[in-house]
Amino acid sequence: MKFCKTCGNILVVKDTLDGKKLFCRKCNEASNLDGIMTINFPQSQQKEVAIFDETSLEFPTTKVLCPKCDKEVEAYWALQQTRAADEPPTRFYRCKECNNVWREYS
């Protein structure tokens, strides 16, 4: 990361006719890229979370269509925030008859 020598703002990379250059968005100061620039983005650590386990008997139940049984059954359900905070939560179900687990995005 480089900063503008004039105003201290972060410099951004832009393509020009002469190749890539660093530019300041505030004062339009330009400078050449010196050396090789590498950008590394860390991969998110995906972890498995057990929604239903042997304590599933403590979850609330509802009547819902089980995709495996292909009929309306009683199933345990739970809500889990699996996406961004501004997205609705994901509803997980576990069929009481066949123990099939599936999810439903709201």
PDB file of N, CA and C in Angstrom:
ATOM      1  N   MET A   1       0.852  -1.161   0.000  1.00  0.00           N
ATOM      2  CA  MET A   1       0.000   0.000   0.000  1.00  0.00           C
ATOM      3  C   MET A   1       0.904   1.233   0.000  1.00  0.00           C
ATOM      4  N   LYS A   2       0.586   2.167  -0.862  1.00  0.00           N
ATOM      5  CA  LYS A   2       1.387   3.392  -0.950  1.00  0.00           C
ATOM      6  C   LYS A   2       0.481   4.589  -0.709  1.00  0.00           C
ATOM      7  N   PHE A   3       1.101   5.662  -0.221  1.00  0.00           N
ATOM      8  CA  PHE A   3       0.360   6.874   0.100  1.00  0.00           C
ATOM      9  C   PHE A   3       0.910   8.047  -0.703  1.00  0.00           C
ATOM     10  N   CYS A   4       0.040   9.009  -0.984  1.00  0.00           N
ATOM     11  CA  CYS A   4       0.409  10.203  -1.733  1.00  0.00           C
ATOM     12  C   CYS A   4       1.385  11.042  -0.907  1.00  0.00           C
ATOM     13  N   LYS A   5       2.477  11.469  -1.539  1.00  0.00           N
ATOM     14  CA  LYS A   5       3.479  12.292  -0.849  1.00  0.00           C
ATOM     15  C   LYS A   5       2.975  13.713  -0.628  1.00  0.00           C
ATOM     16  N   THR A   6       1.969  14.137  -1.408  1.00  0.00           N
ATOM     17  CA  THR A   6       1.441  15.495  -1.296  1.00  0.00           C
ATOM     18  C   THR A   6       0.390  15.618  -0.194  1.00  0.00           C
ATOM     19  N   CYS A   7      -0.619  14.701  -0.224  1.00  0.00           N
ATOM     20  CA  CYS A   7      -1.733  14.848   0.724  1.00  0.00           C
ATOM     21  C   CYS A   7      -1.891  13.676   1.689  1.00  0.00           C
ATOM     22  N   GLY A   8      -1.185  12.575   1.479  1.00  0.00           N
ATOM     23  CA  GLY A   8      -1.256  11.439   2.395  1.00  0.00           C
ATOM     24  C   GLY A   8      -2.376  10.451   2.112  1.00  0.00           C
ATOM     25  N   ASN A   9      -3.148  10.672   1.055  1.00  0.00           N
ATOM     26  CA  ASN A   9      -4.236   9.763   0.695  1.00  0.00           C
ATOM     27  C   ASN A   9      -3.675   8.444   0.148  1.00  0.00           C
ATOM     28  N   ILE A  10      -4.467   7.378   0.196  1.00  0.00           N
ATOM     29  CA  ILE A  10      -4.051   6.089  -0.369  1.00  0.00           C
ATOM     30  C   ILE A  10      -4.050   6.192  -1.888  1.00  0.00           C
ATOM     31  N   LEU A  11      -3.002   5.685  -2.518  1.00  0.00           N
ATOM     32  CA  LEU A  11      -2.907   5.681  -3.970  1.00  0.00           C
ATOM     33  C   LEU A  11      -3.586   4.440  -4.534  1.00  0.00           C
ATOM     34  N   VAL A  12      -4.281   4.622  -5.666  1.00  0.00           N
ATOM     35  CA  VAL A  12      -4.969   3.511  -6.325  1.00  0.00           C
ATOM     36  C   VAL A  12      -4.315   3.239  -7.673  1.00  0.00           C
ATOM     37  N   VAL A  13      -4.406   2.007  -8.134  1.00  0.00           N
ATOM     38  CA  VAL A  13      -3.816   1.610  -9.415  1.00  0.00           C
ATOM     39  C   VAL A  13      -4.813   1.895 -10.532  1.00  0.00           C
ATOM     40  N   LYS A  14      -4.327   2.541 -11.598  1.00  0.00           N
ATOM     41  CA  LYS A  14      -5.156   2.802 -12.779  1.00  0.00           C
ATOM     42  C   LYS A  14      -4.371   2.404 -14.017  1.00  0.00           C
ATOM     43  N   ASP A  15      -5.100   1.914 -15.028  1.00  0.00           N
ATOM     44  CA  ASP A  15      -4.487   1.609 -16.321  1.00  0.00           C
ATOM     45  C   ASP A  15      -4.380   2.897 -17.133  1.00  0.00           C
ATOM     46  N   THR A  16      -3.214   3.148 -17.698  1.00  0.00           N
ATOM     47  CA  THR A  16      -3.002   4.299 -18.579  1.00  0.00           C
ATOM     48  C   THR A  16      -2.414   3.790 -19.891  1.00  0.00           C
ATOM     49  N   LEU A  17      -2.218   4.687 -20.831  1.00  0.00           N
ATOM     50  CA  LEU A  17      -1.595   4.303 -22.105  1.00  0.00           C
ATOM     51  C   LEU A  17      -0.158   3.842 -21.889  1.00  0.00           C
ATOM     52  N   ASP A  18       0.483   4.346 -20.834  1.00  0.00           N
ATOM     53  CA  ASP A  18       1.868   3.978 -20.508  1.00  0.00           C
ATOM     54  C   ASP A  18       1.951   2.768 -19.576  1.00  0.00           C
ATOM     55  N   GLY A  19       0.840   2.099 -19.323  1.00  0.00           N
ATOM     56  CA  GLY A  19       0.821   0.970 -18.391  1.00  0.00           C
ATOM     57  C   GLY A  19       0.107   1.355 -17.103  1.00  0.00           C
ATOM     58  N   LYS A  20       0.285   0.578 -16.082  1.00  0.00           N
ATOM     59  CA  LYS A  20      -0.376   0.837 -14.799  1.00  0.00           C
ATOM     60  C   LYS A  20       0.412   1.878 -14.015  1.00  0.00           C
ATOM     61  N   LYS A  21      -0.331   2.808 -13.377  1.00  0.00           N
ATOM     62  CA  LYS A  21       0.278   3.852 -12.559  1.00  0.00           C
ATOM     63  C   LYS A  21      -0.518   3.991 -11.272  1.00  0.00           C
ATOM     64  N   LEU A  22       0.109   4.587 -10.278  1.00  0.00           N
ATOM     65  CA  LEU A  22      -0.553   4.891  -9.014  1.00  0.00           C
ATOM     66  C   LEU A  22      -1.077   6.317  -9.071  1.00  0.00           C
ATOM     67  N   PHE A  23      -2.350   6.498  -8.689  1.00  0.00           N
ATOM     68  CA  PHE A  23      -2.968   7.822  -8.704  1.00  0.00           C
ATOM     69  C   PHE A  23      -3.589   8.125  -7.348  1.00  0.00           C
ATOM     70  N   CYS A  24      -3.572   9.408  -7.001  1.00  0.00           N
ATOM     71  CA  CYS A  24      -4.249   9.887  -5.796  1.00  0.00           C
ATOM     72  C   CYS A  24      -5.625  10.389  -6.214  1.00  0.00           C
ATOM     73  N   ARG A  25      -6.671   9.935  -5.573  1.00  0.00           N
ATOM     74  CA  ARG A  25      -8.031  10.357  -5.909  1.00  0.00           C
ATOM     75  C   ARG A  25      -8.308  11.790  -5.464  1.00  0.00           C
ATOM     76  N   LYS A  26      -7.551  12.261  -4.487  1.00  0.00           N
ATOM     77  CA  LYS A  26      -7.802  13.599  -3.946  1.00  0.00           C
ATOM     78  C   LYS A  26      -7.106  14.691  -4.756  1.00  0.00           C
ATOM     79  N   CYS A  27      -5.802  14.543  -4.999  1.00  0.00           N
ATOM     80  CA  CYS A  27      -5.057  15.622  -5.665  1.00  0.00           C
ATOM     81  C   CYS A  27      -4.545  15.233  -7.052  1.00  0.00           C
ATOM     82  N   ASN A  28      -4.907  14.043  -7.538  1.00  0.00           N
ATOM     83  CA  ASN A  28      -4.525  13.547  -8.869  1.00  0.00           C
ATOM     84  C   ASN A  28      -3.021  13.412  -9.078  1.00  0.00           C
ATOM     85  N   GLU A  29      -2.271  13.327  -8.011  1.00  0.00           N
ATOM     86  CA  GLU A  29      -0.827  13.075  -8.094  1.00  0.00           C
ATOM     87  C   GLU A  29      -0.641  11.684  -8.705  1.00  0.00           C
ATOM     88  N   ALA A  30       0.297  11.530  -9.616  1.00  0.00           N
ATOM     89  CA  ALA A  30       0.555  10.244 -10.265  1.00  0.00           C
ATOM     90  C   ALA A  30       1.992   9.827 -10.023  1.00  0.00           C
ATOM     91  N   SER A  31       2.197   8.514  -9.886  1.00  0.00           N
ATOM     92  CA  SER A  31       3.561   8.000  -9.755  1.00  0.00           C
ATOM     93  C   SER A  31       3.632   6.633 -10.416  1.00  0.00           C
ATOM     94  N   ASN A  32       4.822   6.262 -10.817  1.00  0.00           N
ATOM     95  CA  ASN A  32       5.025   4.969 -11.468  1.00  0.00           C
ATOM     96  C   ASN A  32       4.998   3.848 -10.441  1.00  0.00           C
ATOM     97  N   LEU A  33       4.595   2.690 -10.911  1.00  0.00           N
ATOM     98  CA  LEU A  33       4.676   1.495 -10.069  1.00  0.00           C
ATOM     99  C   LEU A  33       6.126   1.039 -10.058  1.00  0.00           C
ATOM    100  N   ASP A  34       6.664   0.835  -8.886  1.00  0.00           N
ATOM    101  CA  ASP A  34       8.037   0.339  -8.818  1.00  0.00           C
ATOM    102  C   ASP A  34       8.024  -1.077  -8.271  1.00  0.00           C
ATOM    103  N   GLY A  35       8.499  -2.008  -9.075  1.00  0.00           N
ATOM    104  CA  GLY A  35       8.523  -3.403  -8.658  1.00  0.00           C
ATOM    105  C   GLY A  35       7.228  -4.110  -8.993  1.00  0.00           C
ATOM    106  N   ILE A  36       7.130  -5.319  -8.525  1.00  0.00           N
ATOM    107  CA  ILE A  36       5.962  -6.160  -8.768  1.00  0.00           C
ATOM    108  C   ILE A  36       4.995  -5.997  -7.612  1.00  0.00           C
ATOM    109  N   MET A  37       3.718  -5.835  -7.945  1.00  0.00           N
ATOM    110  CA  MET A  37       2.695  -5.683  -6.920  1.00  0.00           C
ATOM    111  C   MET A  37       1.914  -6.989  -6.823  1.00  0.00           C
ATOM    112  N   THR A  38       1.797  -7.517  -5.638  1.00  0.00           N
ATOM    113  CA  THR A  38       1.047  -8.739  -5.399  1.00  0.00           C
ATOM    114  C   THR A  38      -0.064  -8.438  -4.413  1.00  0.00           C
ATOM    115  N   ILE A  39      -1.258  -8.899  -4.739  1.00  0.00           N
ATOM    116  CA  ILE A  39      -2.392  -8.720  -3.843  1.00  0.00           C
ATOM    117  C   ILE A  39      -2.861 -10.099  -3.421  1.00  0.00           C
ATOM    118  N   ASN A  40      -2.880 -10.346  -2.131  1.00  0.00           N
ATOM    119  CA  ASN A  40      -3.340 -11.624  -1.585  1.00  0.00           C
ATOM    120  C   ASN A  40      -4.629 -11.405  -0.818  1.00  0.00           C
ATOM    121  N   PHE A  41      -5.628 -12.203  -1.128  1.00  0.00           N
ATOM    122  CA  PHE A  41      -6.885 -12.170  -0.407  1.00  0.00           C
ATOM    123  C   PHE A  41      -7.012 -13.472   0.370  1.00  0.00           C
ATOM    124  N   PRO A  42      -7.099 -13.398   1.690  1.00  0.00           N
ATOM    125  CA  PRO A  42      -7.210 -14.639   2.466  1.00  0.00           C
ATOM    126  C   PRO A  42      -8.536 -15.336   2.181  1.00  0.00           C
ATOM    127  N   GLN A  43      -8.483 -16.655   2.088  1.00  0.00           N
ATOM    128  CA  GLN A  43      -9.704 -17.419   1.882  1.00  0.00           C
ATOM    129  C   GLN A  43     -10.426 -17.543   3.208  1.00  0.00           C
ATOM    130  N   SER A  44     -11.742 -17.427   3.135  1.00  0.00           N
ATOM    131  CA  SER A  44     -12.515 -17.541   4.366  1.00  0.00           C
ATOM    132  C   SER A  44     -12.441 -18.975   4.876  1.00  0.00           C
ATOM    133  N   GLN A  45     -12.366 -19.100   6.149  1.00  0.00           N
ATOM    134  CA  GLN A  45     -12.303 -20.417   6.777  1.00  0.00           C
ATOM    135  C   GLN A  45     -13.730 -20.930   6.959  1.00  0.00           C
ATOM    136  N   GLN A  46     -14.160 -21.770   6.034  1.00  0.00           N
ATOM    137  CA  GLN A  46     -15.495 -22.345   6.110  1.00  0.00           C
ATOM    138  C   GLN A  46     -15.479 -23.436   7.163  1.00  0.00           C
ATOM    139  N   LYS A  47     -16.394 -23.373   8.091  1.00  0.00           N
ATOM    140  CA  LYS A  47     -16.450 -24.417   9.102  1.00  0.00           C
ATOM    141  C   LYS A  47     -17.853 -24.995   9.142  1.00  0.00           C
ATOM    142  N   GLU A  48     -17.912 -26.253   9.461  1.00  0.00           N
ATOM    143  CA  GLU A  48     -19.203 -26.913   9.558  1.00  0.00           C
ATOM    144  C   GLU A  48     -19.784 -26.659  10.938  1.00  0.00           C
ATOM    145  N   VAL A  49     -21.059 -26.356  10.945  1.00  0.00           N
ATOM    146  CA  VAL A  49     -21.754 -26.118  12.200  1.00  0.00           C
ATOM    147  C   VAL A  49     -22.876 -27.136  12.292  1.00  0.00           C
ATOM    148  N   ALA A  50     -22.923 -27.872  13.376  1.00  0.00           N
ATOM    149  CA  ALA A  50     -23.979 -28.869  13.568  1.00  0.00           C
ATOM    150  C   ALA A  50     -25.249 -28.149  14.011  1.00  0.00           C
ATOM    151  N   ILE A  51     -26.241 -28.148  13.144  1.00  0.00           N
ATOM    152  CA  ILE A  51     -27.512 -27.520  13.482  1.00  0.00           C
ATOM    153  C   ILE A  51     -28.348 -28.493  14.300  1.00  0.00           C
ATOM    154  N   PHE A  52     -28.435 -29.732  13.822  1.00  0.00           N
ATOM    155  CA  PHE A  52     -29.214 -30.749  14.514  1.00  0.00           C
ATOM    156  C   PHE A  52     -28.282 -31.867  14.962  1.00  0.00           C
ATOM    157  N   ASP A  53     -28.391 -32.257  16.195  1.00  0.00           N
ATOM    158  CA  ASP A  53     -27.610 -33.376  16.722  1.00  0.00           C
ATOM    159  C   ASP A  53     -28.504 -34.167  17.669  1.00  0.00           C
ATOM    160  N   GLU A  54     -27.908 -34.877  18.588  1.00  0.00           N
ATOM    161  CA  GLU A  54     -28.717 -35.697  19.495  1.00  0.00           C
ATOM    162  C   GLU A  54     -29.605 -34.867  20.422  1.00  0.00           C
ATOM    163  N   THR A  55     -29.363 -33.559  20.511  1.00  0.00           N
ATOM    164  CA  THR A  55     -30.218 -32.703  21.341  1.00  0.00           C
ATOM    165  C   THR A  55     -31.344 -32.073  20.527  1.00  0.00           C
ATOM    166  N   SER A  56     -31.612 -32.585  19.328  1.00  0.00           N
ATOM    167  CA  SER A  56     -32.645 -32.010  18.468  1.00  0.00           C
ATOM    168  C   SER A  56     -34.030 -32.052  19.093  1.00  0.00           C
ATOM    169  N   LEU A  57     -34.216 -32.916  20.064  1.00  0.00           N
ATOM    170  CA  LEU A  57     -35.520 -33.022  20.713  1.00  0.00           C
ATOM    171  C   LEU A  57     -35.908 -31.727  21.406  1.00  0.00           C
ATOM    172  N   GLU A  58     -34.951 -30.822  21.610  1.00  0.00           N
ATOM    173  CA  GLU A  58     -35.235 -29.556  22.272  1.00  0.00           C
ATOM    174  C   GLU A  58     -35.678 -28.471  21.292  1.00  0.00           C
ATOM    175  N   PHE A  59     -35.651 -28.743  19.979  1.00  0.00           N
ATOM    176  CA  PHE A  59     -36.026 -27.748  18.984  1.00  0.00           C
ATOM    177  C   PHE A  59     -37.537 -27.717  18.801  1.00  0.00           C
ATOM    178  N   PRO A  60     -38.087 -26.579  18.371  1.00  0.00           N
ATOM    179  CA  PRO A  60     -39.521 -26.513  18.083  1.00  0.00           C
ATOM    180  C   PRO A  60     -39.845 -27.334  16.834  1.00  0.00           C
ATOM    181  N   THR A  61     -41.099 -27.689  16.683  1.00  0.00           N
ATOM    182  CA  THR A  61     -41.522 -28.473  15.519  1.00  0.00           C
ATOM    183  C   THR A  61     -42.604 -27.721  14.760  1.00  0.00           C
ATOM    184  N   THR A  62     -42.761 -28.102  13.495  1.00  0.00           N
ATOM    185  CA  THR A  62     -43.796 -27.528  12.645  1.00  0.00           C
ATOM    186  C   THR A  62     -44.168 -28.545  11.579  1.00  0.00           C
ATOM    187  N   LYS A  63     -45.299 -28.347  10.937  1.00  0.00           N
ATOM    188  CA  LYS A  63     -45.710 -29.192   9.812  1.00  0.00           C
ATOM    189  C   LYS A  63     -45.129 -28.584   8.540  1.00  0.00           C
ATOM    190  N   VAL A  64     -44.416 -29.408   7.768  1.00  0.00           N
ATOM    191  CA  VAL A  64     -43.763 -28.934   6.553  1.00  0.00           C
ATOM    192  C   VAL A  64     -43.625 -30.099   5.577  1.00  0.00           C
ATOM    193  N   LEU A  65     -43.488 -29.793   4.280  1.00  0.00           N
ATOM    194  CA  LEU A  65     -43.327 -30.821   3.256  1.00  0.00           C
ATOM    195  C   LEU A  65     -41.885 -31.299   3.240  1.00  0.00           C
ATOM    196  N   CYS A  66     -41.668 -32.582   3.552  1.00  0.00           N
ATOM    197  CA  CYS A  66     -40.325 -33.165   3.529  1.00  0.00           C
ATOM    198  C   CYS A  66     -40.011 -33.570   2.091  1.00  0.00           C
ATOM    199  N   PRO A  67     -38.883 -33.101   1.529  1.00  0.00           N
ATOM    200  CA  PRO A  67     -38.550 -33.463   0.150  1.00  0.00           C
ATOM    201  C   PRO A  67     -38.231 -34.944  -0.029  1.00  0.00           C
ATOM    202  N   LYS A  68     -37.804 -35.626   1.033  1.00  0.00           N
ATOM    203  CA  LYS A  68     -37.473 -37.053   0.925  1.00  0.00           C
ATOM    204  C   LYS A  68     -38.727 -37.917   1.081  1.00  0.00           C
ATOM    205  N   CYS A  69     -39.557 -37.602   2.069  1.00  0.00           N
ATOM    206  CA  CYS A  69     -40.805 -38.360   2.281  1.00  0.00           C
ATOM    207  C   CYS A  69     -41.862 -37.988   1.243  1.00  0.00           C
ATOM    208  N   ASP A  70     -41.731 -36.803   0.654  1.00  0.00           N
ATOM    209  CA  ASP A  70     -42.675 -36.280  -0.325  1.00  0.00           C
ATOM    210  C   ASP A  70     -44.092 -36.186   0.239  1.00  0.00           C
ATOM    211  N   LYS A  71     -44.166 -35.787   1.504  1.00  0.00           N
ATOM    212  CA  LYS A  71     -45.461 -35.564   2.143  1.00  0.00           C
ATOM    213  C   LYS A  71     -45.267 -34.587   3.291  1.00  0.00           C
ATOM    214  N   GLU A  72     -46.386 -34.055   3.772  1.00  0.00           N
ATOM    215  CA  GLU A  72     -46.316 -33.132   4.903  1.00  0.00           C
ATOM    216  C   GLU A  72     -46.080 -33.922   6.184  1.00  0.00           C
ATOM    217  N   VAL A  73     -45.028 -33.544   6.906  1.00  0.00           N
ATOM    218  CA  VAL A  73     -44.647 -34.245   8.132  1.00  0.00           C
ATOM    219  C   VAL A  73     -44.351 -33.220   9.220  1.00  0.00           C
ATOM    220  N   GLU A  74     -44.180 -33.711  10.419  1.00  0.00           N
ATOM    221  CA  GLU A  74     -43.723 -32.857  11.506  1.00  0.00           C
ATOM    222  C   GLU A  74     -42.196 -32.861  11.470  1.00  0.00           C
ATOM    223  N   ALA A  75     -41.607 -31.676  11.586  1.00  0.00           N
ATOM    224  CA  ALA A  75     -40.150 -31.558  11.502  1.00  0.00           C
ATOM    225  C   ALA A  75     -39.646 -30.557  12.534  1.00  0.00           C
ATOM    226  N   TYR A  76     -38.444 -30.822  13.039  1.00  0.00           N
ATOM    227  CA  TYR A  76     -37.767 -29.848  13.891  1.00  0.00           C
ATOM    228  C   TYR A  76     -37.290 -28.713  12.997  1.00  0.00           C
ATOM    229  N   TRP A  77     -37.192 -27.504  13.537  1.00  0.00           N
ATOM    230  CA  TRP A  77     -36.678 -26.402  12.736  1.00  0.00           C
ATOM    231  C   TRP A  77     -35.799 -25.488  13.585  1.00  0.00           C
ATOM    232  N   ALA A  78     -34.882 -24.791  12.891  1.00  0.00           N
ATOM    233  CA  ALA A  78     -33.989 -23.835  13.548  1.00  0.00           C
ATOM    234  C   ALA A  78     -33.625 -22.754  12.544  1.00  0.00           C
ATOM    235  N   LEU A  79     -33.378 -21.551  13.039  1.00  0.00           N
ATOM    236  CA  LEU A  79     -32.929 -20.442  12.200  1.00  0.00           C
ATOM    237  C   LEU A  79     -31.448 -20.209  12.434  1.00  0.00           C
ATOM    238  N   GLN A  80     -30.714 -19.954  11.350  1.00  0.00           N
ATOM    239  CA  GLN A  80     -29.269 -19.695  11.454  1.00  0.00           C
ATOM    240  C   GLN A  80     -28.914 -18.597  10.457  1.00  0.00           C
ATOM    241  N   GLN A  81     -28.156 -17.604  10.894  1.00  0.00           N
ATOM    242  CA  GLN A  81     -27.688 -16.543   9.994  1.00  0.00           C
ATOM    243  C   GLN A  81     -26.483 -17.083   9.230  1.00  0.00           C
ATOM    244  N   THR A  82     -26.680 -17.480   7.972  1.00  0.00           N
ATOM    245  CA  THR A  82     -25.606 -18.102   7.189  1.00  0.00           C
ATOM    246  C   THR A  82     -25.023 -17.165   6.145  1.00  0.00           C
ATOM    247  N   ARG A  83     -25.700 -16.057   5.885  1.00  0.00           N
ATOM    248  CA  ARG A  83     -25.214 -15.111   4.879  1.00  0.00           C
ATOM    249  C   ARG A  83     -24.963 -13.765   5.553  1.00  0.00           C
ATOM    250  N   ALA A  84     -24.852 -12.718   4.778  1.00  0.00           N
ATOM    251  CA  ALA A  84     -24.578 -11.386   5.322  1.00  0.00           C
ATOM    252  C   ALA A  84     -25.689 -10.961   6.283  1.00  0.00           C
ATOM    253  N   ALA A  85     -25.364 -10.049   7.168  1.00  0.00           N
ATOM    254  CA  ALA A  85     -26.309  -9.616   8.200  1.00  0.00           C
ATOM    255  C   ALA A  85     -27.554  -8.960   7.617  1.00  0.00           C
ATOM    256  N   ASP A  86     -27.449  -8.373   6.421  1.00  0.00           N
ATOM    257  CA  ASP A  86     -28.618  -7.732   5.824  1.00  0.00           C
ATOM    258  C   ASP A  86     -29.485  -8.713   5.038  1.00  0.00           C
ATOM    259  N   GLU A  87     -29.108  -9.983   5.004  1.00  0.00           N
ATOM    260  CA  GLU A  87     -29.886 -11.036   4.352  1.00  0.00           C
ATOM    261  C   GLU A  87     -30.745 -11.740   5.402  1.00  0.00           C
ATOM    262  N   PRO A  88     -31.880 -12.299   4.991  1.00  0.00           N
ATOM    263  CA  PRO A  88     -32.693 -13.033   5.962  1.00  0.00           C
ATOM    264  C   PRO A  88     -31.998 -14.325   6.394  1.00  0.00           C
ATOM    265  N   PRO A  89     -32.330 -14.826   7.581  1.00  0.00           N
ATOM    266  CA  PRO A  89     -31.695 -16.063   8.051  1.00  0.00           C
ATOM    267  C   PRO A  89     -32.156 -17.278   7.247  1.00  0.00           C
ATOM    268  N   THR A  90     -31.400 -18.358   7.355  1.00  0.00           N
ATOM    269  CA  THR A  90     -31.730 -19.623   6.701  1.00  0.00           C
ATOM    270  C   THR A  90     -32.471 -20.489   7.703  1.00  0.00           C
ATOM    271  N   ARG A  91     -33.557 -21.132   7.246  1.00  0.00           N
ATOM    272  CA  ARG A  91     -34.327 -22.021   8.116  1.00  0.00           C
ATOM    273  C   ARG A  91     -33.926 -23.456   7.799  1.00  0.00           C
ATOM    274  N   PHE A  92     -33.518 -24.200   8.827  1.00  0.00           N
ATOM    275  CA  PHE A  92     -33.138 -25.606   8.683  1.00  0.00           C
ATOM    276  C   PHE A  92     -34.248 -26.475   9.260  1.00  0.00           C
ATOM    277  N   TYR A  93     -34.514 -27.601   8.581  1.00  0.00           N
ATOM    278  CA  TYR A  93     -35.527 -28.553   9.032  1.00  0.00           C
ATOM    279  C   TYR A  93     -34.901 -29.929   9.176  1.00  0.00           C
ATOM    280  N   ARG A  94     -35.461 -30.725  10.094  1.00  0.00           N
ATOM    281  CA  ARG A  94     -35.088 -32.140  10.225  1.00  0.00           C
ATOM    282  C   ARG A  94     -36.378 -32.933  10.396  1.00  0.00           C
ATOM    283  N   CYS A  95     -36.648 -33.791   9.430  1.00  0.00           N
ATOM    284  CA  CYS A  95     -37.866 -34.595   9.430  1.00  0.00           C
ATOM    285  C   CYS A  95     -37.849 -35.558  10.612  1.00  0.00           C
ATOM    286  N   LYS A  96     -38.966 -35.632  11.339  1.00  0.00           N
ATOM    287  CA  LYS A  96     -39.050 -36.542  12.485  1.00  0.00           C
ATOM    288  C   LYS A  96     -39.225 -37.989  12.038  1.00  0.00           C
ATOM    289  N   GLU A  97     -39.656 -38.211  10.785  1.00  0.00           N
ATOM    290  CA  GLU A  97     -39.879 -39.575  10.304  1.00  0.00           C
ATOM    291  C   GLU A  97     -38.624 -40.197   9.690  1.00  0.00           C
ATOM    292  N   CYS A  98     -37.938 -39.456   8.811  1.00  0.00           N
ATOM    293  CA  CYS A  98     -36.796 -40.038   8.093  1.00  0.00           C
ATOM    294  C   CYS A  98     -35.455 -39.394   8.468  1.00  0.00           C
ATOM    295  N   ASN A  99     -35.465 -38.385   9.335  1.00  0.00           N
ATOM    296  CA  ASN A  99     -34.264 -37.650   9.779  1.00  0.00           C
ATOM    297  C   ASN A  99     -33.566 -36.880   8.659  1.00  0.00           C
ATOM    298  N   ASN A 100     -34.234 -36.698   7.526  1.00  0.00           N
ATOM    299  CA  ASN A 100     -33.671 -35.892   6.443  1.00  0.00           C
ATOM    300  C   ASN A 100     -33.530 -34.443   6.915  1.00  0.00           C
ATOM    301  N   VAL A 101     -32.387 -33.816   6.598  1.00  0.00           N
ATOM    302  CA  VAL A 101     -32.158 -32.414   6.951  1.00  0.00           C
ATOM    303  C   VAL A 101     -32.077 -31.605   5.662  1.00  0.00           C
ATOM    304  N   TRP A 102     -32.798 -30.488   5.596  1.00  0.00           N
ATOM    305  CA  TRP A 102     -32.747 -29.603   4.442  1.00  0.00           C
ATOM    306  C   TRP A 102     -32.870 -28.166   4.912  1.00  0.00           C
ATOM    307  N   ARG A 103     -32.574 -27.255   4.003  1.00  0.00           N
ATOM    308  CA  ARG A 103     -32.636 -25.837   4.352  1.00  0.00           C
ATOM    309  C   ARG A 103     -33.579 -25.103   3.419  1.00  0.00           C
ATOM    310  N   GLU A 104     -34.037 -23.965   3.897  1.00  0.00           N
ATOM    311  CA  GLU A 104     -34.946 -23.125   3.130  1.00  0.00           C
ATOM    312  C   GLU A 104     -34.478 -21.684   3.291  1.00  0.00           C
ATOM    313  N   TYR A 105     -34.187 -21.036   2.164  1.00  0.00           N
ATOM    314  CA  TYR A 105     -33.778 -19.633   2.211  1.00  0.00           C
ATOM    315  C   TYR A 105     -35.021 -18.762   2.160  1.00  0.00           C
ATOM    316  N   SER A 106     -35.115 -17.806   3.043  1.00  0.00           N
ATOM    317  CA  SER A 106     -36.291 -16.920   3.087  1.00  0.00           C
ATOM    318  C   SER A 106     -36.237 -15.887   1.996  1.00  0.00           C
TER     319      SER A 106
END
